[in-house]
């Protein structure tokens, strides 16, 4: 009983580390692109990047989680529990 529980927890820790690493990688890449766009000498690119950054900053993370979890299944993307 205890060994099965520990095995499940170990599997969950591995999955959590994988998701964390992937999120950091993709977030870092997207962040670098947005920083480059926000500091661009081209006005329209700078304006669009700043507008996107400000909109994303205003929305709380829990709202994003609700939108992903409850909104994506409406577009045929199902998340398993």
PDB file of N, CA and C in Angstrom:
ATOM      1  N   UNK A   1       0.824  -1.192   0.000  1.00  0.00           N
ATOM      2  CA  UNK A   1       0.000   0.000   0.000  1.00  0.00           C
ATOM      3  C   UNK A   1       0.868   1.255   0.000  1.00  0.00           C
ATOM      4  N   UNK A   2       1.814   1.351   0.926  1.00  0.00           N
ATOM      5  CA  UNK A   2       2.686   2.510   1.021  1.00  0.00           C
ATOM      6  C   UNK A   2       3.589   2.608  -0.211  1.00  0.00           C
ATOM      7  N   UNK A   3       4.097   1.474  -0.688  1.00  0.00           N
ATOM      8  CA  UNK A   3       4.987   1.503  -1.847  1.00  0.00           C
ATOM      9  C   UNK A   3       4.253   1.952  -3.111  1.00  0.00           C
ATOM     10  N   UNK A   4       2.992   1.555  -3.248  1.00  0.00           N
ATOM     11  CA  UNK A   4       2.197   2.018  -4.388  1.00  0.00           C
ATOM     12  C   UNK A   4       1.968   3.521  -4.313  1.00  0.00           C
ATOM     13  N   UNK A   5       1.703   4.004  -3.115  1.00  0.00           N
ATOM     14  CA  UNK A   5       1.499   5.433  -2.920  1.00  0.00           C
ATOM     15  C   UNK A   5       2.773   6.211  -3.247  1.00  0.00           C
ATOM     16  N   UNK A   6       3.898   5.722  -2.769  1.00  0.00           N
ATOM     17  CA  UNK A   6       5.162   6.388  -3.059  1.00  0.00           C
ATOM     18  C   UNK A   6       5.500   6.331  -4.546  1.00  0.00           C
ATOM     19  N   UNK A   7       5.166   5.244  -5.209  1.00  0.00           N
ATOM     20  CA  UNK A   7       5.400   5.139  -6.650  1.00  0.00           C
ATOM     21  C   UNK A   7       4.549   6.154  -7.408  1.00  0.00           C
ATOM     22  N   UNK A   8       3.312   6.322  -6.981  1.00  0.00           N
ATOM     23  CA  UNK A   8       2.438   7.320  -7.614  1.00  0.00           C
ATOM     24  C   UNK A   8       2.967   8.730  -7.394  1.00  0.00           C
ATOM     25  N   UNK A   9       3.424   8.994  -6.189  1.00  0.00           N
ATOM     26  CA  UNK A   9       3.970  10.313  -5.886  1.00  0.00           C
ATOM     27  C   UNK A   9       5.238  10.552  -6.716  1.00  0.00           C
ATOM     28  N   UNK A  10       6.094   9.566  -6.835  1.00  0.00           N
ATOM     29  CA  UNK A  10       7.323   9.702  -7.616  1.00  0.00           C
ATOM     30  C   UNK A  10       7.009   9.973  -9.083  1.00  0.00           C
ATOM     31  N   UNK A  11       6.002   9.291  -9.597  1.00  0.00           N
ATOM     32  CA  UNK A  11       5.603   9.529 -10.984  1.00  0.00           C
ATOM     33  C   UNK A  11       5.063  10.948 -11.139  1.00  0.00           C
ATOM     34  N   UNK A  12       4.309  11.409 -10.160  1.00  0.00           N
ATOM     35  CA  UNK A  12       3.778  12.770 -10.199  1.00  0.00           C
ATOM     36  C   UNK A  12       4.873  13.815 -10.115  1.00  0.00           C
ATOM     37  N   UNK A  13       5.902  13.553  -9.326  1.00  0.00           N
ATOM     38  CA  UNK A  13       7.019  14.487  -9.210  1.00  0.00           C
ATOM     39  C   UNK A  13       7.750  14.578 -10.548  1.00  0.00           C
ATOM     40  N   UNK A  14       7.963  13.448 -11.194  1.00  0.00           N
ATOM     41  CA  UNK A  14       8.605  13.456 -12.511  1.00  0.00           C
ATOM     42  C   UNK A  14       7.804  14.240 -13.529  1.00  0.00           C
ATOM     43  N   UNK A  15       6.502  14.041 -13.535  1.00  0.00           N
ATOM     44  CA  UNK A  15       5.626  14.761 -14.462  1.00  0.00           C
ATOM     45  C   UNK A  15       5.638  16.261 -14.155  1.00  0.00           C
ATOM     46  N   UNK A  16       5.633  16.600 -12.886  1.00  0.00           N
ATOM     47  CA  UNK A  16       5.665  18.011 -12.488  1.00  0.00           C
ATOM     48  C   UNK A  16       6.961  18.674 -12.930  1.00  0.00           C
ATOM     49  N   UNK A  17       8.088  17.989 -12.759  1.00  0.00           N
ATOM     50  CA  UNK A  17       9.371  18.541 -13.197  1.00  0.00           C
ATOM     51  C   UNK A  17       9.417  18.708 -14.712  1.00  0.00           C
ATOM     52  N   UNK A  18       8.844  17.768 -15.439  1.00  0.00           N
ATOM     53  CA  UNK A  18       8.780  17.859 -16.897  1.00  0.00           C
ATOM     54  C   UNK A  18       7.965  19.075 -17.337  1.00  0.00           C
ATOM     55  N   UNK A  19       6.773  19.232 -16.760  1.00  0.00           N
ATOM     56  CA  UNK A  19       5.905  20.365 -17.116  1.00  0.00           C
ATOM     57  C   UNK A  19       6.567  21.685 -16.723  1.00  0.00           C
ATOM     58  N   UNK A  20       7.214  21.714 -15.564  1.00  0.00           N
ATOM     59  CA  UNK A  20       7.899  22.924 -15.119  1.00  0.00           C
ATOM     60  C   UNK A  20       9.030  23.298 -16.075  1.00  0.00           C
ATOM     61  N   UNK A  21       9.836  22.335 -16.454  1.00  0.00           N
ATOM     62  CA  UNK A  21      10.936  22.597 -17.380  1.00  0.00           C
ATOM     63  C   UNK A  21      10.447  23.066 -18.741  1.00  0.00           C
ATOM     64  N   UNK A  22       9.417  22.412 -19.259  1.00  0.00           N
ATOM     65  CA  UNK A  22       8.865  22.811 -20.555  1.00  0.00           C
ATOM     66  C   UNK A  22       8.278  24.217 -20.480  1.00  0.00           C
ATOM     67  N   UNK A  23       7.602  24.531 -19.386  1.00  0.00           N
ATOM     68  CA  UNK A  23       7.019  25.868 -19.218  1.00  0.00           C
ATOM     69  C   UNK A  23       8.103  26.934 -19.152  1.00  0.00           C
ATOM     70  N   UNK A  24       9.169  26.645 -18.419  1.00  0.00           N
ATOM     71  CA  UNK A  24      10.272  27.605 -18.339  1.00  0.00           C
ATOM     72  C   UNK A  24      10.930  27.808 -19.697  1.00  0.00           C
ATOM     73  N   UNK A  25      11.110  26.743 -20.436  1.00  0.00           N
ATOM     74  CA  UNK A  25      11.737  26.843 -21.751  1.00  0.00           C
ATOM     75  C   UNK A  25      10.886  27.673 -22.707  1.00  0.00           C
ATOM     76  N   UNK A  26       9.608  27.280 -22.856  1.00  0.00           N
ATOM     77  CA  UNK A  26       8.732  27.997 -23.782  1.00  0.00           C
ATOM     78  C   UNK A  26       8.454  29.416 -23.313  1.00  0.00           C
ATOM     79  N   UNK A  27       8.275  29.606 -22.008  1.00  0.00           N
ATOM     80  CA  UNK A  27       8.051  30.943 -21.483  1.00  0.00           C
ATOM     81  C   UNK A  27       9.251  31.844 -21.695  1.00  0.00           C
ATOM     82  N   UNK A  28      10.437  31.290 -21.526  1.00  0.00           N
ATOM     83  CA  UNK A  28      11.652  32.070 -21.754  1.00  0.00           C
ATOM     84  C   UNK A  28      11.804  32.487 -23.202  1.00  0.00           C
ATOM     85  N   UNK A  29      11.520  31.571 -24.110  1.00  0.00           N
ATOM     86  CA  UNK A  29      11.617  31.880 -25.544  1.00  0.00           C
ATOM     87  C   UNK A  29      10.593  32.945 -25.929  1.00  0.00           C
ATOM     88  N   UNK A  30       9.353  32.756 -25.492  1.00  0.00           N
ATOM     89  CA  UNK A  30       8.307  33.731 -25.803  1.00  0.00           C
ATOM     90  C   UNK A  30       8.628  35.078 -25.164  1.00  0.00           C
ATOM     91  N   UNK A  31       9.144  35.040 -23.933  1.00  0.00           N
ATOM     92  CA  UNK A  31       9.508  36.277 -23.251  1.00  0.00           C
ATOM     93  C   UNK A  31      10.611  37.036 -23.976  1.00  0.00           C
ATOM     94  N   UNK A  32      11.620  36.326 -24.447  1.00  0.00           N
ATOM     95  CA  UNK A  32      12.695  36.982 -25.187  1.00  0.00           C
ATOM     96  C   UNK A  32      12.188  37.611 -26.481  1.00  0.00           C
ATOM     97  N   UNK A  33      11.293  36.917 -27.169  1.00  0.00           N
ATOM     98  CA  UNK A  33      10.718  37.482 -28.399  1.00  0.00           C
ATOM     99  C   UNK A  33       9.911  38.739 -28.071  1.00  0.00           C
ATOM    100  N   UNK A  34       9.128  38.681 -26.989  1.00  0.00           N
ATOM    101  CA  UNK A  34       8.323  39.851 -26.616  1.00  0.00           C
ATOM    102  C   UNK A  34       9.187  41.025 -26.172  1.00  0.00           C
ATOM    103  N   UNK A  35      10.277  40.753 -25.451  1.00  0.00           N
ATOM    104  CA  UNK A  35      11.184  41.838 -25.050  1.00  0.00           C
ATOM    105  C   UNK A  35      11.808  42.472 -26.290  1.00  0.00           C
ATOM    106  N   UNK A  36      12.217  41.629 -27.225  1.00  0.00           N
ATOM    107  CA  UNK A  36      12.775  42.169 -28.465  1.00  0.00           C
ATOM    108  C   UNK A  36      11.765  43.010 -29.227  1.00  0.00           C
ATOM    109  N   UNK A  37      10.520  42.556 -29.254  1.00  0.00           N
ATOM    110  CA  UNK A  37       9.478  43.319 -29.945  1.00  0.00           C
ATOM    111  C   UNK A  37       9.153  44.610 -29.203  1.00  0.00           C
ATOM    112  N   UNK A  38       9.142  44.566 -27.868  1.00  0.00           N
ATOM    113  CA  UNK A  38       8.810  45.758 -27.084  1.00  0.00           C
ATOM    114  C   UNK A  38       9.909  46.820 -27.180  1.00  0.00           C
ATOM    115  N   UNK A  39      11.124  46.405 -27.475  1.00  0.00           N
ATOM    116  CA  UNK A  39      12.240  47.353 -27.596  1.00  0.00           C
ATOM    117  C   UNK A  39      12.584  47.648 -29.063  1.00  0.00           C
ATOM    118  N   UNK A  40      11.714  47.230 -29.957  1.00  0.00           N
ATOM    119  CA  UNK A  40      11.947  47.410 -31.384  1.00  0.00           C
ATOM    120  C   UNK A  40      11.876  48.896 -31.762  1.00  0.00           C
ATOM    121  N   UNK A  41      12.694  49.296 -32.729  1.00  0.00           N
ATOM    122  CA  UNK A  41      12.598  50.683 -33.202  1.00  0.00           C
ATOM    123  C   UNK A  41      11.371  50.924 -34.086  1.00  0.00           C
ATOM    124  N   UNK A  42      10.733  49.840 -34.527  1.00  0.00           N
ATOM    125  CA  UNK A  42       9.539  49.973 -35.372  1.00  0.00           C
ATOM    126  C   UNK A  42       8.331  50.184 -34.453  1.00  0.00           C
ATOM    127  N   UNK A  43       7.679  51.294 -34.621  1.00  0.00           N
ATOM    128  CA  UNK A  43       6.616  51.709 -33.710  1.00  0.00           C
ATOM    129  C   UNK A  43       5.446  50.753 -33.604  1.00  0.00           C
ATOM    130  N   UNK A  44       4.974  50.219 -34.711  1.00  0.00           N
ATOM    131  CA  UNK A  44       3.787  49.346 -34.688  1.00  0.00           C
ATOM    132  C   UNK A  44       4.092  48.038 -33.962  1.00  0.00           C
ATOM    133  N   UNK A  45       5.289  47.496 -34.174  1.00  0.00           N
ATOM    134  CA  UNK A  45       5.677  46.260 -33.483  1.00  0.00           C
ATOM    135  C   UNK A  45       5.787  46.521 -31.992  1.00  0.00           C
ATOM    136  N   UNK A  46       6.401  47.645 -31.622  1.00  0.00           N
ATOM    137  CA  UNK A  46       6.549  48.013 -30.214  1.00  0.00           C
ATOM    138  C   UNK A  46       5.182  48.214 -29.555  1.00  0.00           C
ATOM    139  N   UNK A  47       4.259  48.851 -30.262  1.00  0.00           N
ATOM    140  CA  UNK A  47       2.919  49.098 -29.723  1.00  0.00           C
ATOM    141  C   UNK A  47       2.158  47.798 -29.530  1.00  0.00           C
ATOM    142  N   UNK A  48       2.191  46.903 -30.503  1.00  0.00           N
ATOM    143  CA  UNK A  48       1.483  45.623 -30.398  1.00  0.00           C
ATOM    144  C   UNK A  48       2.054  44.789 -29.260  1.00  0.00           C
ATOM    145  N   UNK A  49       3.381  44.734 -29.146  1.00  0.00           N
ATOM    146  CA  UNK A  49       4.015  43.962 -28.072  1.00  0.00           C
ATOM    147  C   UNK A  49       3.659  44.541 -26.710  1.00  0.00           C
ATOM    148  N   UNK A  50       3.706  45.853 -26.574  1.00  0.00           N
ATOM    149  CA  UNK A  50       3.369  46.488 -25.293  1.00  0.00           C
ATOM    150  C   UNK A  50       1.908  46.264 -24.940  1.00  0.00           C
ATOM    151  N   UNK A  51       1.029  46.337 -25.916  1.00  0.00           N
ATOM    152  CA  UNK A  51      -0.396  46.093 -25.671  1.00  0.00           C
ATOM    153  C   UNK A  51      -0.620  44.656 -25.211  1.00  0.00           C
ATOM    154  N   UNK A  52       0.001  43.694 -25.885  1.00  0.00           N
ATOM    155  CA  UNK A  52      -0.128  42.289 -25.494  1.00  0.00           C
ATOM    156  C   UNK A  52       0.418  42.060 -24.082  1.00  0.00           C
ATOM    157  N   UNK A  53       1.592  42.605 -23.795  1.00  0.00           N
ATOM    158  CA  UNK A  53       2.200  42.435 -22.469  1.00  0.00           C
ATOM    159  C   UNK A  53       1.297  43.006 -21.389  1.00  0.00           C
ATOM    160  N   UNK A  54       0.762  44.190 -21.610  1.00  0.00           N
ATOM    161  CA  UNK A  54      -0.094  44.819 -20.598  1.00  0.00           C
ATOM    162  C   UNK A  54      -1.397  44.058 -20.389  1.00  0.00           C
ATOM    163  N   UNK A  55      -1.979  43.520 -21.443  1.00  0.00           N
ATOM    164  CA  UNK A  55      -3.215  42.736 -21.308  1.00  0.00           C
ATOM    165  C   UNK A  55      -2.943  41.459 -20.527  1.00  0.00           C
ATOM    166  N   UNK A  56      -1.863  40.765 -20.853  1.00  0.00           N
ATOM    167  CA  UNK A  56      -1.542  39.509 -20.175  1.00  0.00           C
ATOM    168  C   UNK A  56      -1.194  39.758 -18.710  1.00  0.00           C
ATOM    169  N   UNK A  57      -0.533  40.859 -18.408  1.00  0.00           N
ATOM    170  CA  UNK A  57      -0.173  41.166 -17.018  1.00  0.00           C
ATOM    171  C   UNK A  57      -1.392  41.460 -16.144  1.00  0.00           C
ATOM    172  N   UNK A  58      -2.427  42.025 -16.720  1.00  0.00           N
ATOM    173  CA  UNK A  58      -3.601  42.434 -15.948  1.00  0.00           C
ATOM    174  C   UNK A  58      -4.462  41.236 -15.546  1.00  0.00           C
ATOM    175  N   UNK A  59      -4.476  40.186 -16.363  1.00  0.00           N
ATOM    176  CA  UNK A  59      -5.338  39.031 -16.097  1.00  0.00           C
ATOM    177  C   UNK A  59      -4.651  38.115 -15.089  1.00  0.00           C
ATOM    178  N   UNK A  60      -5.314  37.820 -13.956  1.00  0.00           N
ATOM    179  CA  UNK A  60      -4.705  36.964 -12.925  1.00  0.00           C
ATOM    180  C   UNK A  60      -4.473  35.535 -13.439  1.00  0.00           C
ATOM    181  N   UNK A  61      -3.421  34.867 -12.939  1.00  0.00           N
ATOM    182  CA  UNK A  61      -3.114  33.506 -13.386  1.00  0.00           C
ATOM    183  C   UNK A  61      -4.262  32.518 -13.172  1.00  0.00           C
ATOM    184  N   UNK A  62      -5.038  32.669 -12.103  1.00  0.00           N
ATOM    185  CA  UNK A  62      -6.150  31.739 -11.881  1.00  0.00           C
ATOM    186  C   UNK A  62      -7.181  31.858 -13.001  1.00  0.00           C
ATOM    187  N   UNK A  63      -7.341  33.047 -13.544  1.00  0.00           N
ATOM    188  CA  UNK A  63      -8.261  33.236 -14.666  1.00  0.00           C
ATOM    189  C   UNK A  63      -7.759  32.491 -15.892  1.00  0.00           C
ATOM    190  N   UNK A  64      -6.445  32.540 -16.138  1.00  0.00           N
ATOM    191  CA  UNK A  64      -5.876  31.787 -17.255  1.00  0.00           C
ATOM    192  C   UNK A  64      -6.116  30.289 -17.075  1.00  0.00           C
ATOM    193  N   UNK A  65      -5.934  29.804 -15.841  1.00  0.00           N
ATOM    194  CA  UNK A  65      -6.156  28.381 -15.583  1.00  0.00           C
ATOM    195  C   UNK A  65      -7.602  27.979 -15.856  1.00  0.00           C
ATOM    196  N   UNK A  66      -8.548  28.804 -15.404  1.00  0.00           N
ATOM    197  CA  UNK A  66      -9.960  28.518 -15.675  1.00  0.00           C
ATOM    198  C   UNK A  66     -10.250  28.551 -17.169  1.00  0.00           C
ATOM    199  N   UNK A  67      -9.702  29.531 -17.875  1.00  0.00           N
ATOM    200  CA  UNK A  67      -9.918  29.609 -19.319  1.00  0.00           C
ATOM    201  C   UNK A  67      -9.366  28.391 -20.041  1.00  0.00           C
ATOM    202  N   UNK A  68      -8.195  27.938 -19.628  1.00  0.00           N
ATOM    203  CA  UNK A  68      -7.591  26.763 -20.269  1.00  0.00           C
ATOM    204  C   UNK A  68      -8.391  25.511 -19.947  1.00  0.00           C
ATOM    205  N   UNK A  69      -8.705  25.320 -18.668  1.00  0.00           N
ATOM    206  CA  UNK A  69      -9.349  24.068 -18.261  1.00  0.00           C
ATOM    207  C   UNK A  69     -10.793  23.966 -18.741  1.00  0.00           C
ATOM    208  N   UNK A  70     -11.551  25.062 -18.655  1.00  0.00           N
ATOM    209  CA  UNK A  70     -12.959  25.014 -19.034  1.00  0.00           C
ATOM    210  C   UNK A  70     -13.212  25.510 -20.459  1.00  0.00           C
ATOM    211  N   UNK A  71     -12.319  26.310 -21.007  1.00  0.00           N
ATOM    212  CA  UNK A  71     -12.543  26.876 -22.327  1.00  0.00           C
ATOM    213  C   UNK A  71     -12.065  26.007 -23.467  1.00  0.00           C
ATOM    214  N   UNK A  72     -10.912  25.352 -23.305  1.00  0.00           N
ATOM    215  CA  UNK A  72     -10.367  24.550 -24.393  1.00  0.00           C
ATOM    216  C   UNK A  72     -11.219  23.349 -24.775  1.00  0.00           C
ATOM    217  N   UNK A  73     -11.903  22.667 -23.840  1.00  0.00           N
ATOM    218  CA  UNK A  73     -12.735  21.542 -24.262  1.00  0.00           C
ATOM    219  C   UNK A  73     -13.861  21.934 -25.230  1.00  0.00           C
ATOM    220  N   UNK A  74     -14.239  23.188 -25.232  1.00  0.00           N
ATOM    221  CA  UNK A  74     -15.264  23.622 -26.188  1.00  0.00           C
ATOM    222  C   UNK A  74     -14.744  23.596 -27.623  1.00  0.00           C
ATOM    223  N   UNK A  75     -13.425  23.589 -27.768  1.00  0.00           N
ATOM    224  CA  UNK A  75     -12.817  23.539 -29.087  1.00  0.00           C
ATOM    225  C   UNK A  75     -12.163  22.192 -29.349  1.00  0.00           C
ATOM    226  N   UNK A  76     -12.747  21.130 -28.797  1.00  0.00           N
ATOM    227  CA  UNK A  76     -12.357  19.735 -29.044  1.00  0.00           C
ATOM    228  C   UNK A  76     -10.998  19.368 -28.477  1.00  0.00           C
ATOM    229  N   UNK A  77     -10.490  20.130 -27.503  1.00  0.00           N
ATOM    230  CA  UNK A  77      -9.255  19.761 -26.829  1.00  0.00           C
ATOM    231  C   UNK A  77      -9.617  19.324 -25.416  1.00  0.00           C
ATOM    232  N   UNK A  78      -9.570  18.039 -25.174  1.00  0.00           N
ATOM    233  CA  UNK A  78      -9.960  17.478 -23.870  1.00  0.00           C
ATOM    234  C   UNK A  78      -8.737  17.223 -23.012  1.00  0.00           C
ATOM    235  N   UNK A  79      -8.795  17.632 -21.747  1.00  0.00           N
ATOM    236  CA  UNK A  79      -7.726  17.376 -20.797  1.00  0.00           C
ATOM    237  C   UNK A  79      -8.127  16.208 -19.923  1.00  0.00           C
ATOM    238  N   UNK A  80      -7.253  15.230 -19.798  1.00  0.00           N
ATOM    239  CA  UNK A  80      -7.572  14.083 -18.950  1.00  0.00           C
ATOM    240  C   UNK A  80      -7.288  14.437 -17.500  1.00  0.00           C
ATOM    241  N   UNK A  81      -8.042  13.817 -16.598  1.00  0.00           N
ATOM    242  CA  UNK A  81      -7.855  14.097 -15.167  1.00  0.00           C
ATOM    243  C   UNK A  81      -7.051  13.021 -14.510  1.00  0.00           C
TER     244      UNK A  81
END
